[in-house]
C-alpha atoms as a PDB file:
ATOM      1  CA  UNK A   1      24.864 -23.086  16.164  1.00  0.00           C
ATOM      2  CA  UNK A   2      27.608 -22.369  13.648  1.00  0.00           C
ATOM      3  CA  UNK A   3      26.626 -20.083  10.827  1.00  0.00           C
ATOM      4  CA  UNK A   4      26.779 -21.705   7.391  1.00  0.00           C
ATOM      5  CA  UNK A   5      27.622 -18.449   5.656  1.00  0.00           C
ATOM      6  CA  UNK A   6      29.746 -15.543   6.805  1.00  0.00           C
ATOM      7  CA  UNK A   7      29.687 -12.051   5.245  1.00  0.00           C
ATOM      8  CA  UNK A   8      31.825  -8.980   5.872  1.00  0.00           C
ATOM      9  CA  UNK A   9      32.483  -5.707   4.066  1.00  0.00           C
ATOM     10  CA  UNK A  10      35.784  -3.967   4.658  1.00  0.00           C
ATOM     11  CA  UNK A  11      36.486  -0.237   4.706  1.00  0.00           C
ATOM     12  CA  UNK A  12      37.272  -0.217   0.972  1.00  0.00           C
ATOM     13  CA  UNK A  13      33.976  -1.775  -0.041  1.00  0.00           C
ATOM     14  CA  UNK A  14      35.244  -5.302  -0.621  1.00  0.00           C
ATOM     15  CA  UNK A  15      32.590  -7.855   0.441  1.00  0.00           C
ATOM     16  CA  UNK A  16      33.770 -11.355   1.380  1.00  0.00           C
ATOM     17  CA  UNK A  17      31.175 -14.132   1.376  1.00  0.00           C
ATOM     18  CA  UNK A  18      32.536 -17.278   3.010  1.00  0.00           C
ATOM     19  CA  UNK A  19      31.109 -20.774   2.969  1.00  0.00           C
ATOM     20  CA  UNK A  20      31.442 -21.975   6.554  1.00  0.00           C
ATOM     21  CA  UNK A  21      30.754 -25.689   6.649  1.00  0.00           C
ATOM     22  CA  UNK A  22      34.288 -27.148   6.731  1.00  0.00           C
ATOM     23  CA  UNK A  23      33.067 -30.241   8.575  1.00  0.00           C
ATOM     24  CA  UNK A  24      31.181 -31.307   5.405  1.00  0.00           C
ATOM     25  CA  UNK A  25      33.707 -29.792   2.958  1.00  0.00           C
ATOM     26  CA  UNK A  26      31.483 -26.800   2.468  1.00  0.00           C
ATOM     27  CA  UNK A  27      28.817 -28.850   0.660  1.00  0.00           C
ATOM     28  CA  UNK A  28      25.682 -26.843   0.040  1.00  0.00           C
ATOM     29  CA  UNK A  29      22.062 -27.632   0.724  1.00  0.00           C
ATOM     30  CA  UNK A  30      18.779 -25.846   0.183  1.00  0.00           C
ATOM     31  CA  UNK A  31      19.305 -23.657   3.252  1.00  0.00           C
ATOM     32  CA  UNK A  32      22.780 -22.513   2.170  1.00  0.00           C
ATOM     33  CA  UNK A  33      21.546 -21.879  -1.323  1.00  0.00           C
ATOM     34  CA  UNK A  34      18.798 -19.692   0.094  1.00  0.00           C
ATOM     35  CA  UNK A  35      21.289 -17.786   2.231  1.00  0.00           C
ATOM     36  CA  UNK A  36      23.616 -17.257  -0.664  1.00  0.00           C
ATOM     37  CA  UNK A  37      20.815 -15.900  -2.840  1.00  0.00           C
ATOM     38  CA  UNK A  38      19.625 -13.527  -0.119  1.00  0.00           C
ATOM     39  CA  UNK A  39      23.180 -12.375   0.504  1.00  0.00           C
ATOM     40  CA  UNK A  40      23.873 -11.666  -3.170  1.00  0.00           C
ATOM     41  CA  UNK A  41      20.573  -9.744  -3.304  1.00  0.00           C
ATOM     42  CA  UNK A  42      21.393  -7.660  -0.278  1.00  0.00           C
ATOM     43  CA  UNK A  43      24.963  -6.881  -1.324  1.00  0.00           C
ATOM     44  CA  UNK A  44      23.896  -5.990  -4.866  1.00  0.00           C
ATOM     45  CA  UNK A  45      21.769  -3.196  -3.409  1.00  0.00           C
ATOM     46  CA  UNK A  46      24.685  -1.669  -1.489  1.00  0.00           C
ATOM     47  CA  UNK A  47      26.486   0.878  -3.735  1.00  0.00           C
ATOM     48  CA  UNK A  48      29.545   0.923  -1.458  1.00  0.00           C
ATOM     49  CA  UNK A  49      30.365  -2.704  -2.428  1.00  0.00           C
ATOM     50  CA  UNK A  50      33.049  -2.444  -5.134  1.00  0.00           C
ATOM     51  CA  UNK A  51      34.127  -6.091  -5.305  1.00  0.00           C
ATOM     52  CA  UNK A  52      32.957  -9.462  -3.982  1.00  0.00           C
ATOM     53  CA  UNK A  53      35.202 -12.328  -2.957  1.00  0.00           C
ATOM     54  CA  UNK A  54      33.614 -15.794  -2.716  1.00  0.00           C
ATOM     55  CA  UNK A  55      35.669 -17.945  -0.337  1.00  0.00           C
ATOM     56  CA  UNK A  56      35.340 -20.888   2.040  1.00  0.00           C
ATOM     57  CA  UNK A  57      36.812 -22.073   5.300  1.00  0.00           C
ATOM     58  CA  UNK A  58      38.618 -25.379   5.669  1.00  0.00           C
ATOM     59  CA  UNK A  59      40.569 -27.697   3.367  1.00  0.00           C
ATOM     60  CA  UNK A  60      38.160 -27.641   0.456  1.00  0.00           C
ATOM     61  CA  UNK A  61      36.315 -24.911  -1.436  1.00  0.00           C
ATOM     62  CA  UNK A  62      33.159 -27.027  -1.745  1.00  0.00           C
ATOM     63  CA  UNK A  63      32.305 -30.659  -2.378  1.00  0.00           C
ATOM     64  CA  UNK A  64      29.107 -29.693  -4.201  1.00  0.00           C
ATOM     65  CA  UNK A  65      25.762 -30.974  -3.006  1.00  0.00           C
ATOM     66  CA  UNK A  66      25.295 -32.019   0.602  1.00  0.00           C
ATOM     67  CA  UNK A  67      24.600 -35.773   0.999  1.00  0.00           C
ATOM     68  CA  UNK A  68      21.609 -35.279   3.283  1.00  0.00           C
ATOM     69  CA  UNK A  69      20.127 -32.807   0.818  1.00  0.00           C
ATOM     70  CA  UNK A  70      20.629 -35.349  -1.956  1.00  0.00           C
ATOM     71  CA  UNK A  71      18.841 -37.969   0.086  1.00  0.00           C
ATOM     72  CA  UNK A  72      15.870 -35.671   0.496  1.00  0.00           C
ATOM     73  CA  UNK A  73      15.880 -34.793  -3.201  1.00  0.00           C
ATOM     74  CA  UNK A  74      15.763 -38.479  -4.077  1.00  0.00           C
ATOM     75  CA  UNK A  75      12.395 -38.688  -2.263  1.00  0.00           C
ATOM     76  CA  UNK A  76      10.990 -35.572  -3.910  1.00  0.00           C
ATOM     77  CA  UNK A  77       8.500 -35.667  -6.727  1.00  0.00           C
ATOM     78  CA  UNK A  78       9.568 -34.242 -10.134  1.00  0.00           C
ATOM     79  CA  UNK A  79       7.619 -31.074  -9.368  1.00  0.00           C
ATOM     80  CA  UNK A  80       9.345 -30.723  -5.970  1.00  0.00           C
ATOM     81  CA  UNK A  81      12.721 -31.266  -7.625  1.00  0.00           C
ATOM     82  CA  UNK A  82      11.877 -28.618 -10.183  1.00  0.00           C
ATOM     83  CA  UNK A  83      11.242 -26.043  -7.444  1.00  0.00           C
ATOM     84  CA  UNK A  84      14.385 -27.105  -5.629  1.00  0.00           C
ATOM     85  CA  UNK A  85      16.491 -26.786  -8.772  1.00  0.00           C
ATOM     86  CA  UNK A  86      14.888 -23.414  -9.593  1.00  0.00           C
ATOM     87  CA  UNK A  87      16.194 -22.012  -6.305  1.00  0.00           C
ATOM     88  CA  UNK A  88      19.724 -23.093  -7.203  1.00  0.00           C
ATOM     89  CA  UNK A  89      19.368 -21.633 -10.710  1.00  0.00           C
ATOM     90  CA  UNK A  90      18.173 -18.322  -9.264  1.00  0.00           C
ATOM     91  CA  UNK A  91      21.070 -18.125  -6.824  1.00  0.00           C
ATOM     92  CA  UNK A  92      23.602 -18.821  -9.591  1.00  0.00           C
ATOM     93  CA  UNK A  93      22.036 -16.111 -11.764  1.00  0.00           C
ATOM     94  CA  UNK A  94      22.330 -13.596  -8.938  1.00  0.00           C
ATOM     95  CA  UNK A  95      26.044 -14.344  -8.600  1.00  0.00           C
ATOM     96  CA  UNK A  96      26.632 -14.314 -12.352  1.00  0.00           C
ATOM     97  CA  UNK A  97      24.929 -10.923 -12.728  1.00  0.00           C
ATOM     98  CA  UNK A  98      26.235  -9.368  -9.526  1.00  0.00           C
ATOM     99  CA  UNK A  99      26.888  -5.675 -10.380  1.00  0.00           C
ATOM    100  CA  UNK A 100      30.441  -5.530  -8.919  1.00  0.00           C
ATOM    101  CA  UNK A 101      33.372  -7.721 -10.024  1.00  0.00           C
ATOM    102  CA  UNK A 102      33.438 -11.111  -8.358  1.00  0.00           C
ATOM    103  CA  UNK A 103      36.465 -13.270  -7.483  1.00  0.00           C
ATOM    104  CA  UNK A 104      36.388 -16.944  -6.416  1.00  0.00           C
ATOM    105  CA  UNK A 105      39.101 -17.964  -3.950  1.00  0.00           C
ATOM    106  CA  UNK A 106      39.559 -21.703  -4.413  1.00  0.00           C
ATOM    107  CA  UNK A 107      41.506 -24.210  -2.286  1.00  0.00           C
ATOM    108  CA  UNK A 108      41.249 -27.999  -2.213  1.00  0.00           C
ATOM    109  CA  UNK A 109      38.320 -29.606  -4.038  1.00  0.00           C
ATOM    110  CA  UNK A 110      35.649 -27.854  -6.081  1.00  0.00           C
ATOM    111  CA  UNK A 111      33.220 -30.493  -7.233  1.00  0.00           C
ATOM    112  CA  UNK A 112      29.874 -30.531  -9.009  1.00  0.00           C
ATOM    113  CA  UNK A 113      27.870 -27.406  -8.253  1.00  0.00           C
ATOM    114  CA  UNK A 114      30.968 -25.757  -6.803  1.00  0.00           C
ATOM    115  CA  UNK A 115      32.354 -25.572 -10.355  1.00  0.00           C
ATOM    116  CA  UNK A 116      29.198 -23.644 -11.142  1.00  0.00           C
ATOM    117  CA  UNK A 117      29.954 -21.151  -8.385  1.00  0.00           C
ATOM    118  CA  UNK A 118      33.447 -20.621  -9.734  1.00  0.00           C
ATOM    119  CA  UNK A 119      32.128 -20.256 -13.250  1.00  0.00           C
ATOM    120  CA  UNK A 120      29.704 -17.550 -12.208  1.00  0.00           C
ATOM    121  CA  UNK A 121      32.527 -15.419 -10.828  1.00  0.00           C
ATOM    122  CA  UNK A 122      34.316 -12.984 -13.128  1.00  0.00           C
ATOM    123  CA  UNK A 123      37.754 -14.238 -11.959  1.00  0.00           C
ATOM    124  CA  UNK A 124      39.048 -17.194  -9.918  1.00  0.00           C
ATOM    125  CA  UNK A 125      42.293 -17.693  -8.062  1.00  0.00           C
ATOM    126  CA  UNK A 126      43.128 -21.297  -7.190  1.00  0.00           C
ATOM    127  CA  UNK A 127      45.779 -22.912  -5.040  1.00  0.00           C
ATOM    128  CA  UNK A 128      48.149 -25.075  -7.065  1.00  0.00           C
ATOM    129  CA  UNK A 129      46.828 -28.244  -5.352  1.00  0.00           C
ATOM    130  CA  UNK A 130      43.178 -27.398  -5.968  1.00  0.00           C
ATOM    131  CA  UNK A 131      41.208 -29.812  -8.117  1.00  0.00           C
ATOM    132  CA  UNK A 132      37.962 -29.661 -10.019  1.00  0.00           C
ATOM    133  CA  UNK A 133      35.369 -32.166 -11.156  1.00  0.00           C
ATOM    134  CA  UNK A 134      32.000 -32.054 -12.883  1.00  0.00           C
ATOM    135  CA  UNK A 135      31.064 -35.255 -11.158  1.00  0.00           C
ATOM    136  CA  UNK A 136      27.318 -35.462 -11.745  1.00  0.00           C
ATOM    137  CA  UNK A 137      27.247 -38.271 -14.311  1.00  0.00           C
ATOM    138  CA  UNK A 138      29.101 -40.591 -11.909  1.00  0.00           C
ATOM    139  CA  UNK A 139      25.841 -40.903 -10.017  1.00  0.00           C
ATOM    140  CA  UNK A 140      23.534 -40.774 -13.023  1.00  0.00           C
ATOM    141  CA  UNK A 141      22.761 -37.058 -12.833  1.00  0.00           C
ATOM    142  CA  UNK A 142      23.571 -34.024 -14.996  1.00  0.00           C
ATOM    143  CA  UNK A 143      25.274 -30.650 -14.395  1.00  0.00           C
ATOM    144  CA  UNK A 144      22.175 -29.113 -15.823  1.00  0.00           C
ATOM    145  CA  UNK A 145      21.595 -26.004 -13.667  1.00  0.00           C
ATOM    146  CA  UNK A 146      25.213 -24.959 -13.767  1.00  0.00           C
ATOM    147  CA  UNK A 147      25.770 -25.808 -17.405  1.00  0.00           C
ATOM    148  CA  UNK A 148      25.175 -22.328 -18.940  1.00  0.00           C
ATOM    149  CA  UNK A 149      27.770 -20.761 -16.639  1.00  0.00           C
ATOM    150  CA  UNK A 150      30.325 -23.529 -17.009  1.00  0.00           C
ATOM    151  CA  UNK A 151      30.049 -23.436 -20.806  1.00  0.00           C
ATOM    152  CA  UNK A 152      30.460 -19.679 -20.713  1.00  0.00           C
ATOM    153  CA  UNK A 153      33.630 -20.141 -18.668  1.00  0.00           C
ATOM    154  CA  UNK A 154      35.364 -23.030 -20.438  1.00  0.00           C
ATOM    155  CA  UNK A 155      33.623 -23.223 -23.830  1.00  0.00           C
ATOM    156  CA  UNK A 156      31.478 -25.956 -25.362  1.00  0.00           C
ATOM    157  CA  UNK A 157      34.376 -28.153 -26.488  1.00  0.00           C
ATOM    158  CA  UNK A 158      35.855 -28.585 -22.999  1.00  0.00           C
ATOM    159  CA  UNK A 159      32.387 -28.847 -21.473  1.00  0.00           C
ATOM    160  CA  UNK A 160      31.532 -31.723 -23.809  1.00  0.00           C
ATOM    161  CA  UNK A 161      34.543 -33.582 -22.451  1.00  0.00           C
ATOM    162  CA  UNK A 162      34.284 -32.892 -18.737  1.00  0.00           C
ATOM    163  CA  UNK A 163      30.452 -33.183 -18.584  1.00  0.00           C
ATOM    164  CA  UNK A 164      30.626 -36.763 -19.868  1.00  0.00           C
ATOM    165  CA  UNK A 165      33.908 -38.058 -18.407  1.00  0.00           C
ATOM    166  CA  UNK A 166      33.562 -36.609 -14.879  1.00  0.00           C
ATOM    167  CA  UNK A 167      37.379 -36.510 -14.812  1.00  0.00           C
ATOM    168  CA  UNK A 168      39.071 -34.779 -11.916  1.00  0.00           C
ATOM    169  CA  UNK A 169      41.366 -32.076 -13.279  1.00  0.00           C
ATOM    170  CA  UNK A 170      44.038 -29.874 -11.771  1.00  0.00           C
ATOM    171  CA  UNK A 171      44.221 -26.143 -11.109  1.00  0.00           C
ATOM    172  CA  UNK A 172      46.732 -25.831 -13.927  1.00  0.00           C
ATOM    173  CA  UNK A 173      44.315 -27.528 -16.287  1.00  0.00           C
ATOM    174  CA  UNK A 174      41.535 -25.318 -15.005  1.00  0.00           C
ATOM    175  CA  UNK A 175      43.604 -22.274 -15.937  1.00  0.00           C
ATOM    176  CA  UNK A 176      44.336 -23.669 -19.395  1.00  0.00           C
ATOM    177  CA  UNK A 177      40.628 -24.077 -20.172  1.00  0.00           C
ATOM    178  CA  UNK A 178      39.571 -20.714 -18.687  1.00  0.00           C
ATOM    179  CA  UNK A 179      37.892 -21.770 -15.466  1.00  0.00           C
ATOM    180  CA  UNK A 180      40.643 -20.240 -13.311  1.00  0.00           C
ATOM    181  CA  UNK A 181      42.461 -16.936 -13.862  1.00  0.00           C
ATOM    182  CA  UNK A 182      45.494 -17.437 -11.583  1.00  0.00           C
ATOM    183  CA  UNK A 183      47.184 -20.387  -9.858  1.00  0.00           C
ATOM    184  CA  UNK A 184      49.414 -19.922  -6.845  1.00  0.00           C
ATOM    185  CA  UNK A 185      50.748 -21.634  -3.717  1.00  0.00           C
ATOM    186  CA  UNK A 186      48.080 -22.069  -1.124  1.00  0.00           C
ATOM    187  CA  UNK A 187      49.884 -19.754   1.275  1.00  0.00           C
ATOM    188  CA  UNK A 188      49.676 -16.992  -1.326  1.00  0.00           C
ATOM    189  CA  UNK A 189      45.955 -17.301  -2.094  1.00  0.00           C
ATOM    190  CA  UNK A 190      44.968 -14.235  -0.109  1.00  0.00           C
ATOM    191  CA  UNK A 191      47.814 -12.199  -1.586  1.00  0.00           C
ATOM    192  CA  UNK A 192      46.870 -13.082  -5.168  1.00  0.00           C
ATOM    193  CA  UNK A 193      43.182 -12.306  -4.494  1.00  0.00           C
ATOM    194  CA  UNK A 194      44.211  -8.972  -2.963  1.00  0.00           C
ATOM    195  CA  UNK A 195      46.249  -8.116  -6.018  1.00  0.00           C
ATOM    196  CA  UNK A 196      43.178  -8.508  -8.216  1.00  0.00           C
ATOM    197  CA  UNK A 197      41.090  -6.539  -5.695  1.00  0.00           C
ATOM    198  CA  UNK A 198      43.655  -3.708  -5.738  1.00  0.00           C
ATOM    199  CA  UNK A 199      43.575  -3.445  -9.494  1.00  0.00           C
ATOM    200  CA  UNK A 200      39.802  -3.158  -9.387  1.00  0.00           C
ATOM    201  CA  UNK A 201      39.842  -0.526  -6.665  1.00  0.00           C
ATOM    202  CA  UNK A 202      42.257   1.624  -8.740  1.00  0.00           C
ATOM    203  CA  UNK A 203      39.550   2.122 -11.343  1.00  0.00           C
ATOM    204  CA  UNK A 204      36.399   4.237 -11.501  1.00  0.00           C
ATOM    205  CA  UNK A 205      33.650   2.472  -9.464  1.00  0.00           C
ATOM    206  CA  UNK A 206      30.853   3.296 -11.875  1.00  0.00           C
ATOM    207  CA  UNK A 207      33.014   2.537 -14.917  1.00  0.00           C
ATOM    208  CA  UNK A 208      33.950  -0.882 -13.467  1.00  0.00           C
ATOM    209  CA  UNK A 209      30.315  -1.828 -12.999  1.00  0.00           C
ATOM    210  CA  UNK A 210      29.391  -0.620 -16.464  1.00  0.00           C
ATOM    211  CA  UNK A 211      32.430  -2.345 -18.007  1.00  0.00           C
ATOM    212  CA  UNK A 212      31.354  -5.661 -16.462  1.00  0.00           C
ATOM    213  CA  UNK A 213      27.855  -5.202 -17.887  1.00  0.00           C
ATOM    214  CA  UNK A 214      29.361  -4.215 -21.252  1.00  0.00           C
ATOM    215  CA  UNK A 215      31.378  -7.433 -21.474  1.00  0.00           C
ATOM    216  CA  UNK A 216      28.287  -9.503 -20.751  1.00  0.00           C
ATOM    217  CA  UNK A 217      25.888  -7.604 -23.042  1.00  0.00           C
ATOM    218  CA  UNK A 218      28.267  -7.524 -26.004  1.00  0.00           C
ATOM    219  CA  UNK A 219      29.020 -11.253 -26.050  1.00  0.00           C
ATOM    220  CA  UNK A 220      28.118 -12.920 -29.339  1.00  0.00           C
ATOM    221  CA  UNK A 221      26.465  -9.785 -30.741  1.00  0.00           C
ATOM    222  CA  UNK A 222      26.397  -9.111 -34.474  1.00  0.00           C
ATOM    223  CA  UNK A 223      28.592  -6.069 -35.236  1.00  0.00           C
ATOM    224  CA  UNK A 224      26.296  -3.944 -37.322  1.00  0.00           C
ATOM    225  CA  UNK A 225      25.272  -0.300 -37.597  1.00  0.00           C
ATOM    226  CA  UNK A 226      22.863  -0.585 -34.710  1.00  0.00           C
ATOM    227  CA  UNK A 227      25.474  -1.989 -32.368  1.00  0.00           C
ATOM    228  CA  UNK A 228      28.021   0.654 -33.442  1.00  0.00           C
ATOM    229  CA  UNK A 229      25.418   3.307 -32.610  1.00  0.00           C
ATOM    230  CA  UNK A 230      24.784   1.816 -29.191  1.00  0.00           C
ATOM    231  CA  UNK A 231      28.482   1.665 -28.242  1.00  0.00           C
ATOM    232  CA  UNK A 232      29.103   5.186 -29.566  1.00  0.00           C
ATOM    233  CA  UNK A 233      26.247   6.535 -27.497  1.00  0.00           C
ATOM    234  CA  UNK A 234      27.509   4.715 -24.473  1.00  0.00           C
ATOM    235  CA  UNK A 235      31.046   6.078 -24.553  1.00  0.00           C
ATOM    236  CA  UNK A 236      29.742   9.575 -25.273  1.00  0.00           C
ATOM    237  CA  UNK A 237      27.510   9.462 -22.186  1.00  0.00           C
ATOM    238  CA  UNK A 238      30.332   8.133 -20.020  1.00  0.00           C
ATOM    239  CA  UNK A 239      32.761  10.787 -21.196  1.00  0.00           C
ATOM    240  CA  UNK A 240      30.503  13.571 -19.978  1.00  0.00           C
ATOM    241  CA  UNK A 241      29.519  11.816 -16.722  1.00  0.00           C
ATOM    242  CA  UNK A 242      30.991  13.170 -13.434  1.00  0.00           C
ATOM    243  CA  UNK A 243      33.237  10.077 -13.041  1.00  0.00           C
ATOM    244  CA  UNK A 244      34.382  10.238 -16.673  1.00  0.00           C
ATOM    245  CA  UNK A 245      35.168  13.935 -16.360  1.00  0.00           C
ATOM    246  CA  UNK A 246      37.113  13.349 -13.129  1.00  0.00           C
ATOM    247  CA  UNK A 247      39.055  10.474 -14.649  1.00  0.00           C
ATOM    248  CA  UNK A 248      39.992  12.431 -17.761  1.00  0.00           C
ATOM    249  CA  UNK A 249      40.933  15.507 -15.758  1.00  0.00           C
ATOM    250  CA  UNK A 250      43.088  13.431 -13.394  1.00  0.00           C
ATOM    251  CA  UNK A 251      44.857  11.791 -16.312  1.00  0.00           C
ATOM    252  CA  UNK A 252      45.569  15.098 -18.072  1.00  0.00           C
ATOM    253  CA  UNK A 253      46.621  16.757 -14.845  1.00  0.00           C
ATOM    254  CA  UNK A 254      48.851  13.785 -13.878  1.00  0.00           C
ATOM    255  CA  UNK A 255      47.180  13.234 -10.517  1.00  0.00           C
ATOM    256  CA  UNK A 256      45.261  10.432  -8.832  1.00  0.00           C
ATOM    257  CA  UNK A 257      41.529  10.439  -9.455  1.00  0.00           C
ATOM    258  CA  UNK A 258      39.237  11.117  -6.477  1.00  0.00           C
ATOM    259  CA  UNK A 259      38.327   7.443  -5.991  1.00  0.00           C
ATOM    260  CA  UNK A 260      41.992   6.717  -5.227  1.00  0.00           C
ATOM    261  CA  UNK A 261      42.374   9.392  -2.606  1.00  0.00           C
ATOM    262  CA  UNK A 262      44.300  12.622  -2.726  1.00  0.00           C
ATOM    263  CA  UNK A 263      47.810  11.221  -3.106  1.00  0.00           C
ATOM    264  CA  UNK A 264      49.859  11.723  -6.259  1.00  0.00           C
ATOM    265  CA  UNK A 265      50.504   8.763  -8.546  1.00  0.00           C
END
């Protein structure tokens, strides 16, 4: 039986999680959602993981919800549907709060909940022919579970449009509204993803994880004396940490820091 989800970690600590249902356009069901959640949990506990790439096999990134799963949901009670949706919400939260930087690698179509997966990642690289659609209202449903992450990615104004129109939009448009970081030819997807990975690996591992958390925790905060005190205490602690000391020493001594190996810059 073909595995729905593939996971590998390379020698540099880059984890690649690959949706592996190309025959159904990588649509996800309750089983795949469970596997994704368990995988994100497991990888988040492995300190050697320095970046995570979310990818998929086949022509399309993901068509969203699996049709057979949707048929089952239609027969569920409201309480059953609530439990089912809660599992999806939990998985998305695990991806959104994953401790290492996350990159979505997008080809083909990314529809419905797949837009939620992309929105939960810190960065996304899309092939120029990729397309996106928040398609839920076409069948009388809502992008409810993914909505917080999509709104964080593209803003309320764009969400108010694409939530209600269910328009299909291009990779270029996705970049314009903030859903996608980079657009490239499909044959260059892996190269563009690797460029982002390389820039991450050049930086202090602990600092990268803390910087991601910093960006999330400081969003929409009131800049007052308390916040100034928190940020001042944070940078002071980091400066005297082993990684901070190594980074500063390497910079002043004009050498590569230890996390980049022993070669000179």
